[in-house]
Amino acid sequence: MNVHRGEIVLVPVRFSSGQGQKVRPVLVVQSDHNNVRLADTIVAIITSNIRRANVEQTQILIDVAAPDGRQSERLHTILQADVQRKIGSLSAAAMQQIDACLKVSLGII
């Protein structure tokens, strides 16, 4: 499936222990240019666990009552072919917040 930056899609994600996996929602954070030319994409896991959302600059809390929906967590590289379906997308404003979190996480600022 062809994915686009800012889309929320469902994919099987391996547990950090390496034992097993679970279908999870993820946010596509890789550029559309690379999504077209590569078979894989970089995604941020979405979780309902908010205990670190106000503590770490690498976390962003997006109110589930708001149109943008949920919270992002860890980065993963996945095969685009593993995407089961698209379930939504984030607004440009929410993606700007995601970009700020990514810069902190990657030491870009």
PDB file of N, CA and C in Angstrom:
ATOM      1  N   MET A   1       0.853  -1.183   0.000  1.00  0.00           N
ATOM      2  CA  MET A   1       0.000   0.000   0.000  1.00  0.00           C
ATOM      3  C   MET A   1       0.894   1.239   0.000  1.00  0.00           C
ATOM      4  N   ASN A   2       0.580   2.202  -0.828  1.00  0.00           N
ATOM      5  CA  ASN A   2       1.312   3.462  -0.888  1.00  0.00           C
ATOM      6  C   ASN A   2       0.886   4.336   0.295  1.00  0.00           C
ATOM      7  N   VAL A   3       1.849   4.753   1.117  1.00  0.00           N
ATOM      8  CA  VAL A   3       1.528   5.569   2.294  1.00  0.00           C
ATOM      9  C   VAL A   3       2.033   6.992   2.110  1.00  0.00           C
ATOM     10  N   HIS A   4       1.444   7.907   2.896  1.00  0.00           N
ATOM     11  CA  HIS A   4       1.822   9.316   2.848  1.00  0.00           C
ATOM     12  C   HIS A   4       2.131   9.819   4.252  1.00  0.00           C
ATOM     13  N   ARG A   5       3.052  10.776   4.333  1.00  0.00           N
ATOM     14  CA  ARG A   5       3.418  11.380   5.609  1.00  0.00           C
ATOM     15  C   ARG A   5       2.165  11.954   6.272  1.00  0.00           C
ATOM     16  N   GLY A   6       2.015  11.671   7.574  1.00  0.00           N
ATOM     17  CA  GLY A   6       0.875  12.176   8.325  1.00  0.00           C
ATOM     18  C   GLY A   6      -0.284  11.206   8.410  1.00  0.00           C
ATOM     19  N   GLU A   7      -0.238  10.118   7.631  1.00  0.00           N
ATOM     20  CA  GLU A   7      -1.305   9.121   7.694  1.00  0.00           C
ATOM     21  C   GLU A   7      -1.133   8.220   8.912  1.00  0.00           C
ATOM     22  N   ILE A   8      -2.247   7.787   9.447  1.00  0.00           N
ATOM     23  CA  ILE A   8      -2.257   6.803  10.522  1.00  0.00           C
ATOM     24  C   ILE A   8      -2.720   5.500   9.891  1.00  0.00           C
ATOM     25  N   VAL A   9      -1.880   4.463  10.034  1.00  0.00           N
ATOM     26  CA  VAL A   9      -2.168   3.172   9.408  1.00  0.00           C
ATOM     27  C   VAL A   9      -2.015   2.062  10.443  1.00  0.00           C
ATOM     28  N   LEU A  10      -2.599   0.914  10.148  1.00  0.00           N
ATOM     29  CA  LEU A  10      -2.468  -0.256  11.015  1.00  0.00           C
ATOM     30  C   LEU A  10      -1.424  -1.203  10.441  1.00  0.00           C
ATOM     31  N   VAL A  11      -0.473  -1.625  11.291  1.00  0.00           N
ATOM     32  CA  VAL A  11       0.569  -2.576  10.886  1.00  0.00           C
ATOM     33  C   VAL A  11       0.902  -3.500  12.054  1.00  0.00           C
ATOM     34  N   PRO A  12       1.387  -4.718  11.759  1.00  0.00           N
ATOM     35  CA  PRO A  12       1.890  -5.558  12.839  1.00  0.00           C
ATOM     36  C   PRO A  12       3.235  -5.010  13.315  1.00  0.00           C
ATOM     37  N   VAL A  13       3.364  -4.789  14.621  1.00  0.00           N
ATOM     38  CA  VAL A  13       4.596  -4.239  15.205  1.00  0.00           C
ATOM     39  C   VAL A  13       5.141  -5.257  16.200  1.00  0.00           C
ATOM     40  N   ARG A  14       6.439  -5.556  16.079  1.00  0.00           N
ATOM     41  CA  ARG A  14       7.091  -6.482  17.007  1.00  0.00           C
ATOM     42  C   ARG A  14       7.221  -5.844  18.383  1.00  0.00           C
ATOM     43  N   PHE A  15       7.056  -6.677  19.425  1.00  0.00           N
ATOM     44  CA  PHE A  15       7.294  -6.215  20.785  1.00  0.00           C
ATOM     45  C   PHE A  15       8.776  -5.909  20.934  1.00  0.00           C
ATOM     46  N   SER A  16       9.131  -4.955  21.808  1.00  0.00           N
ATOM     47  CA  SER A  16      10.535  -4.580  21.981  1.00  0.00           C
ATOM     48  C   SER A  16      11.382  -5.755  22.450  1.00  0.00           C
ATOM     49  N   SER A  17      10.778  -6.766  23.080  1.00  0.00           N
ATOM     50  CA  SER A  17      11.502  -7.971  23.500  1.00  0.00           C
ATOM     51  C   SER A  17      11.877  -8.835  22.303  1.00  0.00           C
ATOM     52  N   GLY A  18      11.238  -8.589  21.140  1.00  0.00           N
ATOM     53  CA  GLY A  18      11.467  -9.403  19.963  1.00  0.00           C
ATOM     54  C   GLY A  18      10.591 -10.641  19.918  1.00  0.00           C
ATOM     55  N   GLN A  19       9.862 -10.886  20.986  1.00  0.00           N
ATOM     56  CA  GLN A  19       8.990 -12.053  21.086  1.00  0.00           C
ATOM     57  C   GLN A  19       7.553 -11.656  20.759  1.00  0.00           C
ATOM     58  N   GLY A  20       7.088 -11.981  19.566  1.00  0.00           N
ATOM     59  CA  GLY A  20       5.711 -11.712  19.187  1.00  0.00           C
ATOM     60  C   GLY A  20       5.488 -10.334  18.595  1.00  0.00           C
ATOM     61  N   GLN A  21       4.257 -10.099  18.220  1.00  0.00           N
ATOM     62  CA  GLN A  21       3.874  -8.816  17.633  1.00  0.00           C
ATOM     63  C   GLN A  21       2.392  -8.577  17.840  1.00  0.00           C
ATOM     64  N   LYS A  22       1.984  -7.336  17.581  1.00  0.00           N
ATOM     65  CA  LYS A  22       0.598  -6.930  17.754  1.00  0.00           C
ATOM     66  C   LYS A  22       0.277  -5.905  16.671  1.00  0.00           C
ATOM     67  N   VAL A  23      -0.928  -5.942  16.130  1.00  0.00           N
ATOM     68  CA  VAL A  23      -1.339  -4.921  15.159  1.00  0.00           C
ATOM     69  C   VAL A  23      -1.586  -3.633  15.928  1.00  0.00           C
ATOM     70  N   ARG A  24      -0.882  -2.560  15.510  1.00  0.00           N
ATOM     71  CA  ARG A  24      -0.956  -1.277  16.202  1.00  0.00           C
ATOM     72  C   ARG A  24      -1.173  -0.155  15.205  1.00  0.00           C
ATOM     73  N   PRO A  25      -1.754   0.935  15.660  1.00  0.00           N
ATOM     74  CA  PRO A  25      -1.798   2.130  14.806  1.00  0.00           C
ATOM     75  C   PRO A  25      -0.440   2.821  14.856  1.00  0.00           C
ATOM     76  N   VAL A  26      -0.001   3.318  13.718  1.00  0.00           N
ATOM     77  CA  VAL A  26       1.268   4.044  13.630  1.00  0.00           C
ATOM     78  C   VAL A  26       1.068   5.279  12.761  1.00  0.00           C
ATOM     79  N   LEU A  27       1.913   6.269  12.991  1.00  0.00           N
ATOM     80  CA  LEU A  27       1.891   7.504  12.210  1.00  0.00           C
ATOM     81  C   LEU A  27       3.071   7.488  11.247  1.00  0.00           C
ATOM     82  N   VAL A  28       2.822   7.673   9.969  1.00  0.00           N
ATOM     83  CA  VAL A  28       3.884   7.727   8.965  1.00  0.00           C
ATOM     84  C   VAL A  28       4.591   9.079   9.098  1.00  0.00           C
ATOM     85  N   VAL A  29       5.904   9.056   9.385  1.00  0.00           N
ATOM     86  CA  VAL A  29       6.660  10.301   9.550  1.00  0.00           C
ATOM     87  C   VAL A  29       7.709  10.504   8.453  1.00  0.00           C
ATOM     88  N   GLN A  30       7.938   9.494   7.635  1.00  0.00           N
ATOM     89  CA  GLN A  30       8.899   9.605   6.545  1.00  0.00           C
ATOM     90  C   GLN A  30       8.344  10.504   5.444  1.00  0.00           C
ATOM     91  N   SER A  31       9.227  11.170   4.721  1.00  0.00           N
ATOM     92  CA  SER A  31       8.811  12.074   3.643  1.00  0.00           C
ATOM     93  C   SER A  31       8.098  11.321   2.521  1.00  0.00           C
ATOM     94  N   ASP A  32       7.176  11.998   1.863  1.00  0.00           N
ATOM     95  CA  ASP A  32       6.466  11.387   0.744  1.00  0.00           C
ATOM     96  C   ASP A  32       7.426  11.018  -0.386  1.00  0.00           C
ATOM     97  N   HIS A  33       8.461  11.821  -0.575  1.00  0.00           N
ATOM     98  CA  HIS A  33       9.471  11.518  -1.599  1.00  0.00           C
ATOM     99  C   HIS A  33      10.066  10.129  -1.352  1.00  0.00           C
ATOM    100  N   ASN A  34      10.454   9.849  -0.111  1.00  0.00           N
ATOM    101  CA  ASN A  34      11.021   8.537   0.204  1.00  0.00           C
ATOM    102  C   ASN A  34       9.965   7.444   0.239  1.00  0.00           C
ATOM    103  N   ASN A  35       8.738   7.786   0.597  1.00  0.00           N
ATOM    104  CA  ASN A  35       7.671   6.784   0.583  1.00  0.00           C
ATOM    105  C   ASN A  35       7.399   6.269  -0.825  1.00  0.00           C
ATOM    106  N   VAL A  36       7.613   7.106  -1.828  1.00  0.00           N
ATOM    107  CA  VAL A  36       7.403   6.697  -3.216  1.00  0.00           C
ATOM    108  C   VAL A  36       8.561   5.835  -3.709  1.00  0.00           C
ATOM    109  N   ARG A  37       9.779   6.189  -3.357  1.00  0.00           N
ATOM    110  CA  ARG A  37      10.936   5.505  -3.936  1.00  0.00           C
ATOM    111  C   ARG A  37      11.448   4.309  -3.140  1.00  0.00           C
ATOM    112  N   LEU A  38      11.002   4.148  -1.880  1.00  0.00           N
ATOM    113  CA  LEU A  38      11.479   3.050  -1.033  1.00  0.00           C
ATOM    114  C   LEU A  38      10.352   2.078  -0.704  1.00  0.00           C
ATOM    115  N   ALA A  39      10.710   0.853  -0.411  1.00  0.00           N
ATOM    116  CA  ALA A  39       9.720  -0.167  -0.040  1.00  0.00           C
ATOM    117  C   ALA A  39       9.338  -0.072   1.428  1.00  0.00           C
ATOM    118  N   ASP A  40      10.166   0.612   2.220  1.00  0.00           N
ATOM    119  CA  ASP A  40       9.851   0.745   3.641  1.00  0.00           C
ATOM    120  C   ASP A  40       9.561   2.196   3.980  1.00  0.00           C
ATOM    121  N   THR A  41       9.116   2.424   5.222  1.00  0.00           N
ATOM    122  CA  THR A  41       8.810   3.773   5.681  1.00  0.00           C
ATOM    123  C   THR A  41       9.095   3.863   7.171  1.00  0.00           C
ATOM    124  N   ILE A  42       9.333   5.059   7.643  1.00  0.00           N
ATOM    125  CA  ILE A  42       9.566   5.293   9.070  1.00  0.00           C
ATOM    126  C   ILE A  42       8.254   5.737   9.694  1.00  0.00           C
ATOM    127  N   VAL A  43       7.910   5.101  10.821  1.00  0.00           N
ATOM    128  CA  VAL A  43       6.651   5.392  11.505  1.00  0.00           C
ATOM    129  C   VAL A  43       6.899   5.616  12.990  1.00  0.00           C
ATOM    130  N   ALA A  44       5.960   6.304  13.630  1.00  0.00           N
ATOM    131  CA  ALA A  44       5.955   6.474  15.083  1.00  0.00           C
ATOM    132  C   ALA A  44       4.772   5.687  15.620  1.00  0.00           C
ATOM    133  N   ILE A  45       5.038   4.873  16.632  1.00  0.00           N
ATOM    134  CA  ILE A  45       3.979   4.076  17.250  1.00  0.00           C
ATOM    135  C   ILE A  45       2.998   5.011  17.955  1.00  0.00           C
ATOM    136  N   ILE A  46       1.730   4.702  17.883  1.00  0.00           N
ATOM    137  CA  ILE A  46       0.696   5.460  18.590  1.00  0.00           C
ATOM    138  C   ILE A  46       0.234   4.614  19.767  1.00  0.00           C
ATOM    139  N   THR A  47       0.103   5.255  20.925  1.00  0.00           N
ATOM    140  CA  THR A  47      -0.283   4.531  22.136  1.00  0.00           C
ATOM    141  C   THR A  47      -1.271   5.343  22.957  1.00  0.00           C
ATOM    142  N   SER A  48      -1.990   4.664  23.807  1.00  0.00           N
ATOM    143  CA  SER A  48      -2.880   5.346  24.750  1.00  0.00           C
ATOM    144  C   SER A  48      -2.188   5.553  26.096  1.00  0.00           C
ATOM    145  N   ASN A  49      -0.953   5.047  26.235  1.00  0.00           N
ATOM    146  CA  ASN A  49      -0.181   5.212  27.463  1.00  0.00           C
ATOM    147  C   ASN A  49       0.380   6.638  27.504  1.00  0.00           C
ATOM    148  N   ILE A  50      -0.141   7.460  28.402  1.00  0.00           N
ATOM    149  CA  ILE A  50       0.235   8.883  28.416  1.00  0.00           C
ATOM    150  C   ILE A  50       1.140   9.264  29.581  1.00  0.00           C
ATOM    151  N   ARG A  51       1.680   8.293  30.321  1.00  0.00           N
ATOM    152  CA  ARG A  51       2.451   8.623  31.524  1.00  0.00           C
ATOM    153  C   ARG A  51       3.698   9.470  31.247  1.00  0.00           C
ATOM    154  N   ARG A  52       4.278   9.405  30.039  1.00  0.00           N
ATOM    155  CA  ARG A  52       5.469  10.204  29.724  1.00  0.00           C
ATOM    156  C   ARG A  52       5.162  11.426  28.869  1.00  0.00           C
ATOM    157  N   ALA A  53       3.909  11.628  28.518  1.00  0.00           N
ATOM    158  CA  ALA A  53       3.555  12.680  27.556  1.00  0.00           C
ATOM    159  C   ALA A  53       3.927  14.080  28.009  1.00  0.00           C
ATOM    160  N   ASN A  54       3.818  14.385  29.273  1.00  0.00           N
ATOM    161  CA  ASN A  54       4.136  15.733  29.754  1.00  0.00           C
ATOM    162  C   ASN A  54       5.515  15.816  30.390  1.00  0.00           C
ATOM    163  N   VAL A  55       6.283  14.728  30.326  1.00  0.00           N
ATOM    164  CA  VAL A  55       7.586  14.674  30.975  1.00  0.00           C
ATOM    165  C   VAL A  55       8.726  14.746  29.964  1.00  0.00           C
ATOM    166  N   GLU A  56       8.560  14.127  28.809  1.00  0.00           N
ATOM    167  CA  GLU A  56       9.633  14.034  27.826  1.00  0.00           C
ATOM    168  C   GLU A  56       9.321  14.862  26.584  1.00  0.00           C
ATOM    169  N   GLN A  57      10.355  15.568  26.080  1.00  0.00           N
ATOM    170  CA  GLN A  57      10.166  16.386  24.884  1.00  0.00           C
ATOM    171  C   GLN A  57       9.994  15.554  23.630  1.00  0.00           C
ATOM    172  N   THR A  58      10.293  14.261  23.712  1.00  0.00           N
ATOM    173  CA  THR A  58      10.150  13.387  22.551  1.00  0.00           C
ATOM    174  C   THR A  58       8.747  12.821  22.440  1.00  0.00           C
ATOM    175  N   GLN A  59       7.865  13.197  23.348  1.00  0.00           N
ATOM    176  CA  GLN A  59       6.499  12.695  23.376  1.00  0.00           C
ATOM    177  C   GLN A  59       5.528  13.844  23.103  1.00  0.00           C
ATOM    178  N   ILE A  60       4.452  13.537  22.450  1.00  0.00           N
ATOM    179  CA  ILE A  60       3.416  14.543  22.235  1.00  0.00           C
ATOM    180  C   ILE A  60       2.074  13.918  22.585  1.00  0.00           C
ATOM    181  N   LEU A  61       1.307  14.638  23.359  1.00  0.00           N
ATOM    182  CA  LEU A  61      -0.035  14.186  23.712  1.00  0.00           C
ATOM    183  C   LEU A  61      -1.028  14.915  22.832  1.00  0.00           C
ATOM    184  N   ILE A  62      -1.801  14.144  22.115  1.00  0.00           N
ATOM    185  CA  ILE A  62      -2.873  14.706  21.305  1.00  0.00           C
ATOM    186  C   ILE A  62      -4.156  14.172  21.901  1.00  0.00           C
ATOM    187  N   ASP A  63      -4.992  15.052  22.393  1.00  0.00           N
ATOM    188  CA  ASP A  63      -6.232  14.672  23.073  1.00  0.00           C
ATOM    189  C   ASP A  63      -7.092  13.800  22.176  1.00  0.00           C
ATOM    190  N   VAL A  64      -7.511  12.633  22.699  1.00  0.00           N
ATOM    191  CA  VAL A  64      -8.327  11.726  21.889  1.00  0.00           C
ATOM    192  C   VAL A  64      -9.679  12.327  21.539  1.00  0.00           C
ATOM    193  N   ALA A  65     -10.100  13.352  22.279  1.00  0.00           N
ATOM    194  CA  ALA A  65     -11.363  14.018  21.965  1.00  0.00           C
ATOM    195  C   ALA A  65     -11.193  15.011  20.813  1.00  0.00           C
ATOM    196  N   ALA A  66      -9.940  15.389  20.535  1.00  0.00           N
ATOM    197  CA  ALA A  66      -9.660  16.329  19.446  1.00  0.00           C
ATOM    198  C   ALA A  66      -9.616  15.567  18.120  1.00  0.00           C
ATOM    199  N   PRO A  67      -9.791  16.266  17.012  1.00  0.00           N
ATOM    200  CA  PRO A  67      -9.788  15.587  15.717  1.00  0.00           C
ATOM    201  C   PRO A  67      -8.505  14.814  15.413  1.00  0.00           C
ATOM    202  N   ASP A  68      -7.381  15.275  15.936  1.00  0.00           N
ATOM    203  CA  ASP A  68      -6.118  14.605  15.618  1.00  0.00           C
ATOM    204  C   ASP A  68      -5.876  13.309  16.371  1.00  0.00           C
ATOM    205  N   GLY A  69      -6.548  13.079  17.462  1.00  0.00           N
ATOM    206  CA  GLY A  69      -6.572  11.757  18.041  1.00  0.00           C
ATOM    207  C   GLY A  69      -5.710  11.246  19.124  1.00  0.00           C
ATOM    208  N   ARG A  70      -4.466  10.894  18.980  1.00  0.00           N
ATOM    209  CA  ARG A  70      -3.739  10.073  19.956  1.00  0.00           C
ATOM    210  C   ARG A  70      -2.330  10.579  20.246  1.00  0.00           C
ATOM    211  N   GLN A  71      -1.491   9.730  20.841  1.00  0.00           N
ATOM    212  CA  GLN A  71      -0.124  10.083  21.224  1.00  0.00           C
ATOM    213  C   GLN A  71       0.890   9.247  20.462  1.00  0.00           C
ATOM    214  N   SER A  72       1.994   9.844  20.050  1.00  0.00           N
ATOM    215  CA  SER A  72       3.034   9.076  19.367  1.00  0.00           C
ATOM    216  C   SER A  72       4.129   8.689  20.345  1.00  0.00           C
ATOM    217  N   GLU A  73       4.870   7.656  20.011  1.00  0.00           N
ATOM    218  CA  GLU A  73       5.875   7.133  20.935  1.00  0.00           C
ATOM    219  C   GLU A  73       7.179   6.817  20.228  1.00  0.00           C
ATOM    220  N   ARG A  74       7.457   5.560  19.894  1.00  0.00           N
ATOM    221  CA  ARG A  74       8.736   5.118  19.350  1.00  0.00           C
ATOM    222  C   ARG A  74       8.732   5.112  17.829  1.00  0.00           C
ATOM    223  N   LEU A  75       9.945   5.259  17.263  1.00  0.00           N
ATOM    224  CA  LEU A  75      10.098   5.186  15.813  1.00  0.00           C
ATOM    225  C   LEU A  75      10.439   3.763  15.394  1.00  0.00           C
ATOM    226  N   HIS A  76       9.891   3.339  14.268  1.00  0.00           N
ATOM    227  CA  HIS A  76      10.164   2.027  13.677  1.00  0.00           C
ATOM    228  C   HIS A  76      10.267   2.201  12.172  1.00  0.00           C
ATOM    229  N   THR A  77      10.976   1.279  11.536  1.00  0.00           N
ATOM    230  CA  THR A  77      10.944   1.182  10.087  1.00  0.00           C
ATOM    231  C   THR A  77      10.140  -0.056   9.755  1.00  0.00           C
ATOM    232  N   ILE A  78       9.172   0.105   8.878  1.00  0.00           N
ATOM    233  CA  ILE A  78       8.308  -1.009   8.486  1.00  0.00           C
ATOM    234  C   ILE A  78       8.270  -1.112   6.962  1.00  0.00           C
ATOM    235  N   LEU A  79       7.911  -2.257   6.470  1.00  0.00           N
ATOM    236  CA  LEU A  79       7.659  -2.407   5.036  1.00  0.00           C
ATOM    237  C   LEU A  79       6.283  -1.839   4.726  1.00  0.00           C
ATOM    238  N   GLN A  80       6.201  -1.035   3.685  1.00  0.00           N
ATOM    239  CA  GLN A  80       4.905  -0.489   3.307  1.00  0.00           C
ATOM    240  C   GLN A  80       3.919  -1.599   2.958  1.00  0.00           C
ATOM    241  N   ALA A  81       4.422  -2.717   2.483  1.00  0.00           N
ATOM    242  CA  ALA A  81       3.557  -3.852   2.134  1.00  0.00           C
ATOM    243  C   ALA A  81       2.855  -4.433   3.364  1.00  0.00           C
ATOM    244  N   ASP A  82       3.398  -4.174   4.565  1.00  0.00           N
ATOM    245  CA  ASP A  82       2.785  -4.686   5.800  1.00  0.00           C
ATOM    246  C   ASP A  82       1.599  -3.852   6.274  1.00  0.00           C
ATOM    247  N   VAL A  83       1.381  -2.698   5.658  1.00  0.00           N
ATOM    248  CA  VAL A  83       0.267  -1.838   6.063  1.00  0.00           C
ATOM    249  C   VAL A  83      -1.045  -2.550   5.746  1.00  0.00           C
ATOM    250  N   GLN A  84      -1.872  -2.698   6.779  1.00  0.00           N
ATOM    251  CA  GLN A  84      -3.150  -3.377   6.588  1.00  0.00           C
ATOM    252  C   GLN A  84      -4.221  -2.442   6.061  1.00  0.00           C
ATOM    253  N   ARG A  85      -4.258  -1.216   6.621  1.00  0.00           N
ATOM    254  CA  ARG A  85      -5.211  -0.226   6.105  1.00  0.00           C
ATOM    255  C   ARG A  85      -4.930   1.133   6.727  1.00  0.00           C
ATOM    256  N   LYS A  86      -5.406   2.166   6.048  1.00  0.00           N
ATOM    257  CA  LYS A  86      -5.319   3.535   6.556  1.00  0.00           C
ATOM    258  C   LYS A  86      -6.529   3.779   7.450  1.00  0.00           C
ATOM    259  N   ILE A  87      -6.288   4.403   8.629  1.00  0.00           N
ATOM    260  CA  ILE A  87      -7.422   4.688   9.516  1.00  0.00           C
ATOM    261  C   ILE A  87      -7.612   6.176   9.774  1.00  0.00           C
ATOM    262  N   GLY A  88      -6.730   7.014   9.234  1.00  0.00           N
ATOM    263  CA  GLY A  88      -6.883   8.453   9.423  1.00  0.00           C
ATOM    264  C   GLY A  88      -5.622   9.192   9.050  1.00  0.00           C
ATOM    265  N   SER A  89      -5.582  10.473   9.410  1.00  0.00           N
ATOM    266  CA  SER A  89      -4.395  11.292   9.178  1.00  0.00           C
ATOM    267  C   SER A  89      -4.419  12.467  10.144  1.00  0.00           C
ATOM    268  N   LEU A  90      -3.238  13.046  10.385  1.00  0.00           N
ATOM    269  CA  LEU A  90      -3.125  14.197  11.280  1.00  0.00           C
ATOM    270  C   LEU A  90      -3.135  15.489  10.484  1.00  0.00           C
ATOM    271  N   SER A  91      -3.543  16.549  11.143  1.00  0.00           N
ATOM    272  CA  SER A  91      -3.560  17.878  10.524  1.00  0.00           C
ATOM    273  C   SER A  91      -2.140  18.410  10.365  1.00  0.00           C
ATOM    274  N   ALA A  92      -1.989  19.438   9.559  1.00  0.00           N
ATOM    275  CA  ALA A  92      -0.684  20.078   9.373  1.00  0.00           C
ATOM    276  C   ALA A  92      -0.169  20.636  10.699  1.00  0.00           C
ATOM    277  N   ALA A  93      -1.048  21.192  11.519  1.00  0.00           N
ATOM    278  CA  ALA A  93      -0.635  21.740  12.826  1.00  0.00           C
ATOM    279  C   ALA A  93      -0.109  20.636  13.738  1.00  0.00           C
ATOM    280  N   ALA A  94      -0.788  19.497  13.764  1.00  0.00           N
ATOM    281  CA  ALA A  94      -0.323  18.373  14.587  1.00  0.00           C
ATOM    282  C   ALA A  94       1.009  17.849  14.066  1.00  0.00           C
ATOM    283  N   MET A  95       1.193  17.820  12.751  1.00  0.00           N
ATOM    284  CA  MET A  95       2.459  17.345  12.184  1.00  0.00           C
ATOM    285  C   MET A  95       3.609  18.287  12.523  1.00  0.00           C
ATOM    286  N   GLN A  96       3.327  19.585  12.693  1.00  0.00           N
ATOM    287  CA  GLN A  96       4.374  20.512  13.128  1.00  0.00           C
ATOM    288  C   GLN A  96       4.820  20.160  14.542  1.00  0.00           C
ATOM    289  N   GLN A  97       3.884  19.767  15.406  1.00  0.00           N
ATOM    290  CA  GLN A  97       4.231  19.332  16.760  1.00  0.00           C
ATOM    291  C   GLN A  97       5.034  18.033  16.705  1.00  0.00           C
ATOM    292  N   ILE A  98       4.638  17.130  15.833  1.00  0.00           N
ATOM    293  CA  ILE A  98       5.373  15.875  15.652  1.00  0.00           C
ATOM    294  C   ILE A  98       6.798  16.185  15.198  1.00  0.00           C
ATOM    295  N   ASP A  99       6.959  17.104  14.245  1.00  0.00           N
ATOM    296  CA  ASP A  99       8.291  17.491  13.767  1.00  0.00           C
ATOM    297  C   ASP A  99       9.169  17.992  14.913  1.00  0.00           C
ATOM    298  N   ALA A 100       8.599  18.785  15.813  1.00  0.00           N
ATOM    299  CA  ALA A 100       9.361  19.287  16.969  1.00  0.00           C
ATOM    300  C   ALA A 100       9.814  18.131  17.856  1.00  0.00           C
ATOM    301  N   CYS A 101       8.945  17.167  18.093  1.00  0.00           N
ATOM    302  CA  CYS A 101       9.302  15.993  18.891  1.00  0.00           C
ATOM    303  C   CYS A 101      10.397  15.178  18.212  1.00  0.00           C
ATOM    304  N   LEU A 102      10.292  15.006  16.909  1.00  0.00           N
ATOM    305  CA  LEU A 102      11.295  14.253  16.169  1.00  0.00           C
ATOM    306  C   LEU A 102      12.659  14.932  16.231  1.00  0.00           C
ATOM    307  N   LYS A 103      12.687  16.260  16.137  1.00  0.00           N
ATOM    308  CA  LYS A 103      13.951  16.985  16.212  1.00  0.00           C
ATOM    309  C   LYS A 103      14.628  16.756  17.561  1.00  0.00           C
ATOM    310  N   VAL A 104      13.875  16.793  18.635  1.00  0.00           N
ATOM    311  CA  VAL A 104      14.434  16.544  19.967  1.00  0.00           C
ATOM    312  C   VAL A 104      14.917  15.101  20.053  1.00  0.00           C
ATOM    313  N   SER A 105      14.095  14.183  19.593  1.00  0.00           N
ATOM    314  CA  SER A 105      14.400  12.764  19.673  1.00  0.00           C
ATOM    315  C   SER A 105      15.684  12.426  18.904  1.00  0.00           C
ATOM    316  N   LEU A 106      15.886  13.074  17.754  1.00  0.00           N
ATOM    317  CA  LEU A 106      17.035  12.799  16.911  1.00  0.00           C
ATOM    318  C   LEU A 106      18.212  13.749  17.158  1.00  0.00           C
ATOM    319  N   GLY A 107      18.061  14.664  18.110  1.00  0.00           N
ATOM    320  CA  GLY A 107      19.143  15.596  18.436  1.00  0.00           C
ATOM    321  C   GLY A 107      19.415  16.607  17.341  1.00  0.00           C
ATOM    322  N   ILE A 108      18.382  17.020  16.631  1.00  0.00           N
ATOM    323  CA  ILE A 108      18.536  17.946  15.507  1.00  0.00           C
ATOM    324  C   ILE A 108      18.497  19.409  15.956  1.00  0.00           C
ATOM    325  N   ILE A 109      17.930  19.706  17.124  1.00  0.00           N
ATOM    326  CA  ILE A 109      17.885  21.095  17.574  1.00  0.00           C
ATOM    327  C   ILE A 109      19.017  21.441  18.495  1.00  0.00           C
TER     328      ILE A 109
END
